[in-house]
C-alpha cells in the first residue's frame, strides 16, 4: 500500500531538478520555488541559510523510488 503523500507533477519535476543540482542545491528564487517550499514542508528538501534548497535523505529515497522507479 502506498503511504506517501502524493506529489504533483510539478513537484516531482522540482524534486528531480533538486537531485540534479547536487550539493550546490537550488536557489530559493526560481520559478519552482513554491514546489521547493512544499518539498521542504514534506521533509524531502531543506532550506539552507544561503537561500538555497538541498535534498534530504528522505528526498533522495523518494526520488529513487518515484522518479527512477528503483526498489527501496
N, C-alpha and C. Protein backbone atom coordinates (compact mmCIF):
# COMPACT_ATOMS: atom_id res chain seq x y z
N UNK A 1 0.84 -1.18 0.00
CA UNK A 1 0.00 0.00 0.00
C UNK A 1 0.88 1.24 0.00
N UNK A 2 0.47 2.25 -0.75
CA UNK A 2 1.22 3.49 -0.87
C UNK A 2 0.86 4.40 0.30
N UNK A 3 1.84 4.72 1.13
CA UNK A 3 1.61 5.54 2.31
C UNK A 3 2.21 6.94 2.20
N UNK A 4 2.85 7.24 1.09
CA UNK A 4 3.49 8.53 0.90
C UNK A 4 2.48 9.56 0.41
N UNK A 5 2.63 10.82 0.83
CA UNK A 5 1.76 11.87 0.28
C UNK A 5 2.01 12.01 -1.22
N UNK A 6 0.96 12.32 -1.97
CA UNK A 6 1.04 12.44 -3.41
C UNK A 6 1.87 13.66 -3.79
N UNK A 7 2.72 13.52 -4.81
CA UNK A 7 3.46 14.65 -5.35
C UNK A 7 2.87 15.03 -6.70
N UNK A 8 2.49 16.28 -6.84
CA UNK A 8 2.02 16.79 -8.13
C UNK A 8 3.15 16.67 -9.15
N UNK A 9 2.80 16.69 -10.41
CA UNK A 9 3.79 16.59 -11.48
C UNK A 9 4.84 17.68 -11.36
N UNK A 10 4.43 18.89 -11.06
CA UNK A 10 5.38 20.00 -10.95
C UNK A 10 6.36 19.75 -9.80
N UNK A 11 5.88 19.17 -8.71
CA UNK A 11 6.75 18.90 -7.55
C UNK A 11 7.69 17.73 -7.83
N UNK A 12 7.23 16.75 -8.59
CA UNK A 12 8.12 15.66 -8.99
C UNK A 12 9.24 16.20 -9.87
N UNK A 13 8.91 17.12 -10.75
CA UNK A 13 9.92 17.76 -11.59
C UNK A 13 10.90 18.57 -10.75
N UNK A 14 10.39 19.29 -9.77
CA UNK A 14 11.26 20.07 -8.88
C UNK A 14 12.16 19.15 -8.07
N UNK A 15 11.63 18.02 -7.63
CA UNK A 15 12.43 17.04 -6.89
C UNK A 15 13.57 16.53 -7.77
N UNK A 16 13.28 16.26 -9.03
CA UNK A 16 14.31 15.77 -9.95
C UNK A 16 15.36 16.85 -10.21
N UNK A 17 14.94 18.09 -10.41
CA UNK A 17 15.90 19.18 -10.61
C UNK A 17 16.75 19.38 -9.36
N UNK A 18 16.15 19.21 -8.21
CA UNK A 18 16.89 19.34 -6.96
C UNK A 18 17.95 18.25 -6.85
N UNK A 19 17.60 17.04 -7.25
CA UNK A 19 18.56 15.93 -7.25
C UNK A 19 19.71 16.23 -8.21
N UNK A 20 19.38 16.74 -9.39
CA UNK A 20 20.40 17.04 -10.39
C UNK A 20 21.32 18.18 -9.96
N UNK A 21 20.85 19.05 -9.08
CA UNK A 21 21.67 20.18 -8.64
C UNK A 21 22.79 19.77 -7.69
N UNK A 22 22.68 18.57 -7.13
CA UNK A 22 23.76 18.05 -6.27
C UNK A 22 23.91 18.82 -4.97
N UNK A 23 25.15 18.92 -4.52
CA UNK A 23 25.43 19.56 -3.22
C UNK A 23 25.23 21.07 -3.24
N UNK A 24 25.25 21.66 -4.42
CA UNK A 24 25.05 23.11 -4.51
C UNK A 24 23.61 23.50 -4.25
N UNK A 25 22.68 22.61 -4.51
CA UNK A 25 21.27 22.87 -4.28
C UNK A 25 20.67 23.79 -5.32
N UNK A 26 19.42 24.16 -5.09
CA UNK A 26 18.68 25.05 -6.00
C UNK A 26 18.44 26.38 -5.30
N UNK A 27 18.55 27.47 -6.05
CA UNK A 27 18.25 28.78 -5.46
C UNK A 27 16.79 28.85 -5.00
N UNK A 28 16.56 29.65 -3.99
CA UNK A 28 15.21 29.80 -3.46
C UNK A 28 14.35 30.69 -4.34
N UNK A 29 14.94 31.42 -5.26
CA UNK A 29 14.20 32.38 -6.08
C UNK A 29 14.17 31.92 -7.53
N UNK A 30 13.59 30.77 -7.76
CA UNK A 30 13.40 30.21 -9.11
C UNK A 30 11.90 29.99 -9.31
N UNK A 31 11.47 29.80 -10.55
CA UNK A 31 10.03 29.61 -10.79
C UNK A 31 9.41 28.44 -10.04
N UNK A 32 10.19 27.41 -9.71
CA UNK A 32 9.62 26.27 -8.98
C UNK A 32 9.76 26.41 -7.46
N UNK A 33 9.96 27.63 -6.98
CA UNK A 33 10.10 27.87 -5.54
C UNK A 33 8.90 27.38 -4.73
N UNK A 34 7.64 27.54 -5.20
CA UNK A 34 6.52 27.00 -4.42
C UNK A 34 6.64 25.49 -4.22
N UNK A 35 7.10 24.77 -5.24
CA UNK A 35 7.29 23.33 -5.10
C UNK A 35 8.44 23.01 -4.15
N UNK A 36 9.50 23.79 -4.22
CA UNK A 36 10.63 23.58 -3.30
C UNK A 36 10.18 23.80 -1.86
N UNK A 37 9.34 24.81 -1.65
CA UNK A 37 8.80 25.03 -0.30
C UNK A 37 7.93 23.86 0.14
N UNK A 38 7.12 23.34 -0.77
CA UNK A 38 6.26 22.20 -0.47
C UNK A 38 7.11 20.97 -0.14
N UNK A 39 8.17 20.74 -0.93
CA UNK A 39 9.07 19.62 -0.66
C UNK A 39 9.74 19.78 0.69
N UNK A 40 10.08 21.01 1.04
CA UNK A 40 10.69 21.28 2.34
C UNK A 40 9.72 20.97 3.47
N UNK A 41 8.45 21.34 3.31
CA UNK A 41 7.44 21.06 4.33
C UNK A 41 7.23 19.56 4.50
N UNK A 42 7.45 18.80 3.42
CA UNK A 42 7.29 17.35 3.47
C UNK A 42 8.55 16.65 3.98
N UNK A 43 9.63 17.41 4.21
CA UNK A 43 10.87 16.82 4.70
C UNK A 43 11.74 16.24 3.60
N UNK A 44 11.41 16.52 2.34
CA UNK A 44 12.18 15.98 1.22
C UNK A 44 13.31 16.92 0.81
N UNK A 45 13.24 18.15 1.25
CA UNK A 45 14.27 19.15 0.99
C UNK A 45 14.43 19.98 2.25
N UNK A 46 15.53 20.72 2.30
CA UNK A 46 15.66 21.66 3.42
C UNK A 46 16.28 22.94 2.88
N UNK A 47 15.90 24.02 3.51
CA UNK A 47 16.37 25.33 3.11
C UNK A 47 17.67 25.62 3.85
N UNK A 48 18.68 25.98 3.08
CA UNK A 48 19.96 26.36 3.67
C UNK A 48 19.94 27.85 3.98
N UNK A 49 20.80 28.28 4.87
CA UNK A 49 20.85 29.69 5.24
C UNK A 49 21.25 30.60 4.10
N UNK A 50 21.81 30.05 3.04
CA UNK A 50 22.26 30.87 1.91
C UNK A 50 21.20 30.95 0.81
N UNK A 51 19.93 30.85 1.17
CA UNK A 51 18.82 30.94 0.21
C UNK A 51 18.86 29.87 -0.87
N UNK A 52 19.23 28.66 -0.48
CA UNK A 52 19.26 27.54 -1.41
C UNK A 52 18.57 26.35 -0.75
N UNK A 53 17.99 25.50 -1.56
CA UNK A 53 17.37 24.27 -1.09
C UNK A 53 18.28 23.10 -1.46
N UNK A 54 18.40 22.15 -0.54
CA UNK A 54 19.16 20.94 -0.82
C UNK A 54 18.28 19.73 -0.51
N UNK A 55 18.62 18.63 -1.12
CA UNK A 55 17.87 17.38 -0.96
C UNK A 55 18.21 16.73 0.38
N UNK A 56 17.22 16.20 1.05
CA UNK A 56 17.45 15.46 2.29
C UNK A 56 17.57 13.98 1.96
N UNK A 57 17.91 13.17 2.95
CA UNK A 57 17.95 11.72 2.76
C UNK A 57 16.60 11.18 2.35
N UNK A 58 15.55 11.69 2.96
CA UNK A 58 14.19 11.26 2.60
C UNK A 58 13.86 11.67 1.16
N UNK A 59 14.32 12.84 0.76
CA UNK A 59 14.09 13.29 -0.60
C UNK A 59 14.83 12.44 -1.61
N UNK A 60 16.05 12.05 -1.25
CA UNK A 60 16.83 11.18 -2.12
C UNK A 60 16.14 9.82 -2.28
N UNK A 61 15.62 9.28 -1.19
CA UNK A 61 14.92 7.99 -1.23
C UNK A 61 13.64 8.12 -2.06
N UNK A 62 12.92 9.22 -1.90
CA UNK A 62 11.68 9.43 -2.66
C UNK A 62 11.99 9.57 -4.15
N UNK A 63 13.07 10.27 -4.48
CA UNK A 63 13.48 10.42 -5.87
C UNK A 63 13.82 9.05 -6.46
N UNK A 64 14.52 8.26 -5.71
CA UNK A 64 14.90 6.93 -6.17
C UNK A 64 13.67 6.07 -6.45
N UNK A 65 12.70 6.12 -5.55
CA UNK A 65 11.51 5.27 -5.69
C UNK A 65 10.52 5.80 -6.72
N UNK A 66 10.28 7.10 -6.71
CA UNK A 66 9.21 7.66 -7.54
C UNK A 66 9.68 8.14 -8.91
N UNK A 67 10.85 8.68 -9.00
CA UNK A 67 11.35 9.21 -10.27
C UNK A 67 12.11 8.13 -11.04
N UNK A 68 13.04 7.48 -10.36
CA UNK A 68 13.86 6.46 -11.02
C UNK A 68 13.19 5.08 -11.06
N UNK A 69 12.14 4.92 -10.24
CA UNK A 69 11.40 3.65 -10.17
C UNK A 69 12.30 2.48 -9.76
N UNK A 70 13.22 2.74 -8.84
CA UNK A 70 14.10 1.69 -8.32
C UNK A 70 13.57 1.18 -7.00
N UNK A 71 13.86 -0.08 -6.66
CA UNK A 71 13.37 -0.61 -5.37
C UNK A 71 14.04 0.11 -4.20
N UNK A 72 13.32 0.16 -3.13
CA UNK A 72 13.82 0.84 -1.92
C UNK A 72 14.96 0.12 -1.27
